Structures are given as structure tokens and as C-alpha cells.
């Protein structure tokens, strides 16, 4: 099935991979199933935290979000502009929070 949905989208890194896979699966009319009997242990951000600072991870997240919204949800130019504005505003807030944590 991964071959049929063209594997992973290489235009994202770290974030929105699951959203893109789900959208691609839905586009091929495959069915998805949830099996609550399965559990997976995932060590969140163990290697990522060593490689990227908080602001860097946030920027990667927002780039992946922008790509997903544009390419997979078909956002209009107006919607992309609103996303851009809110992302810049929240980035400023993140910078301020990081600054005061260091103080």
C-alpha cells in the first residue's frame, strides 16, 4: 500500500507525516482501522531535542503545517496569508517566552 500512495512525502520533516499519509490513504479509497490492542512506546523528541532548539523545532513544525495546508487541504491565498500572520505572531510570542526563561 505504501507504494500505491507514493511512500512518504519528502517535503516535510518531523511534523505532519501522519496527516499526509492519512490524506493519501483516504484519496486512494483504502479503509483505515484502529486497533486499540496494540501499544507502541515512543521516546518523544529524544534525538530531536539534541539537534534542534525549541524555536528551530517550531519553525520546522510551521513549515510542514504550511505545506500540508497548501498541498493537501487546498488552502486559498487568503487562508495561507492568515496562517502566515498567525505563525509569525506565535513565533514572536515563543521568542519572548524563551527570552524570559533565560533571564
Protein backbone atom coordinates (compact mmCIF):
# COMPACT_ATOMS: atom_id res chain seq x y z
CA UNK A 1 0.00 0.00 0.00
CA UNK A 2 2.82 2.46 0.74
CA UNK A 3 3.96 2.08 -2.84
CA UNK A 4 0.46 2.91 -4.09
CA UNK A 5 0.33 6.14 -2.09
CA UNK A 6 3.86 7.06 -3.25
CA UNK A 7 5.52 6.44 0.13
CA UNK A 8 6.27 9.38 2.40
CA UNK A 9 6.20 12.97 1.18
CA UNK A 10 9.78 14.21 1.27
CA UNK A 11 8.68 17.84 1.52
CA UNK A 12 8.07 17.56 5.27
CA UNK A 13 10.41 16.81 8.14
CA UNK A 14 9.42 15.79 11.66
CA UNK A 15 5.83 17.00 11.55
CA UNK A 16 2.62 16.33 9.58
CA UNK A 17 3.80 12.99 8.15
CA UNK A 18 0.82 11.19 9.69
CA UNK A 19 -1.64 13.78 8.36
CA UNK A 20 -0.22 13.42 4.86
CA UNK A 21 -0.26 9.62 4.97
CA UNK A 22 -3.87 9.67 6.18
CA UNK A 23 -4.88 12.08 3.41
CA UNK A 24 -3.16 9.95 0.76
CA UNK A 25 -4.77 6.77 2.06
CA UNK A 26 -8.16 8.49 2.00
CA UNK A 27 -7.58 9.65 -1.58
CA UNK A 28 -6.97 6.04 -2.68
CA UNK A 29 -10.23 4.89 -1.03
CA UNK A 30 -8.46 2.49 1.30
CA UNK A 31 -10.08 1.92 4.66
CA UNK A 32 -8.29 2.67 7.91
CA UNK A 33 -8.68 0.71 11.11
CA UNK A 34 -7.85 1.47 14.73
CA UNK A 35 -6.68 -1.44 16.84
CA UNK A 36 -6.62 -0.41 20.49
CA UNK A 37 -4.98 -3.68 21.50
CA UNK A 38 -1.65 -2.53 20.07
CA UNK A 39 0.62 -0.24 22.05
CA UNK A 40 3.83 1.42 20.95
CA UNK A 41 6.39 3.14 23.14
CA UNK A 42 7.73 6.26 21.50
CA UNK A 43 10.51 8.27 23.14
CA UNK A 44 9.32 11.71 22.07
CA UNK A 45 11.97 14.15 20.90
CA UNK A 46 14.91 12.22 22.34
CA UNK A 47 17.17 12.77 19.33
CA UNK A 48 15.31 15.82 18.04
CA UNK A 49 15.87 17.77 21.26
CA UNK A 50 19.61 17.15 20.94
CA UNK A 51 19.65 18.50 17.37
CA UNK A 52 17.18 21.40 17.42
CA UNK A 53 16.35 24.15 19.85
CA UNK A 54 12.74 25.00 20.69
CA UNK A 55 12.47 27.81 18.12
CA UNK A 56 14.07 25.65 15.41
CA UNK A 57 11.58 22.84 16.02
CA UNK A 58 8.72 25.33 15.97
CA UNK A 59 9.85 26.71 12.60
CA UNK A 60 10.04 23.18 11.15
CA UNK A 61 6.56 22.44 12.51
CA UNK A 62 5.10 25.56 10.91
CA UNK A 63 6.79 24.91 7.55
CA UNK A 64 5.32 21.40 7.50
CA UNK A 65 1.94 22.80 8.52
CA UNK A 66 2.02 25.37 5.71
CA UNK A 67 2.96 22.71 3.17
CA UNK A 68 0.21 20.34 4.34
CA UNK A 69 -2.48 23.03 4.37
CA UNK A 70 -1.49 24.27 0.92
CA UNK A 71 -0.83 20.99 -0.89
CA UNK A 72 -3.26 18.60 0.81
CA UNK A 73 -6.09 20.80 2.03
CA UNK A 74 -6.04 23.22 -0.90
CA UNK A 75 -5.88 26.41 1.18
CA UNK A 76 -6.58 29.63 -0.66
CA UNK A 77 -4.10 32.51 -0.83
CA UNK A 78 -6.16 34.33 1.80
CA UNK A 79 -6.09 31.32 4.13
CA UNK A 80 -2.33 30.96 3.62
CA UNK A 81 -1.88 34.65 4.41
CA UNK A 82 -3.85 34.25 7.66
CA UNK A 83 -1.76 31.21 8.54
CA UNK A 84 1.43 33.17 7.82
CA UNK A 85 0.31 36.05 10.07
CA UNK A 86 -0.71 33.81 12.96
CA UNK A 87 2.50 31.79 12.65
CA UNK A 88 4.65 34.93 12.76
CA UNK A 89 2.72 36.26 15.74
CA UNK A 90 3.07 33.00 17.65
CA UNK A 91 6.79 32.85 16.78
CA UNK A 92 7.25 36.29 18.34
CA UNK A 93 5.48 35.04 21.48
CA UNK A 94 7.77 31.99 21.55
CA UNK A 95 10.87 34.21 21.27
CA UNK A 96 9.60 36.33 24.17
CA UNK A 97 8.90 33.24 26.31
CA UNK A 98 12.38 31.84 25.57
CA UNK A 99 13.96 35.21 26.42
CA UNK A 100 12.25 35.39 29.83
CA UNK A 101 13.11 31.77 30.65
CA UNK A 102 16.79 32.63 30.22
CA UNK A 103 16.53 35.73 32.43
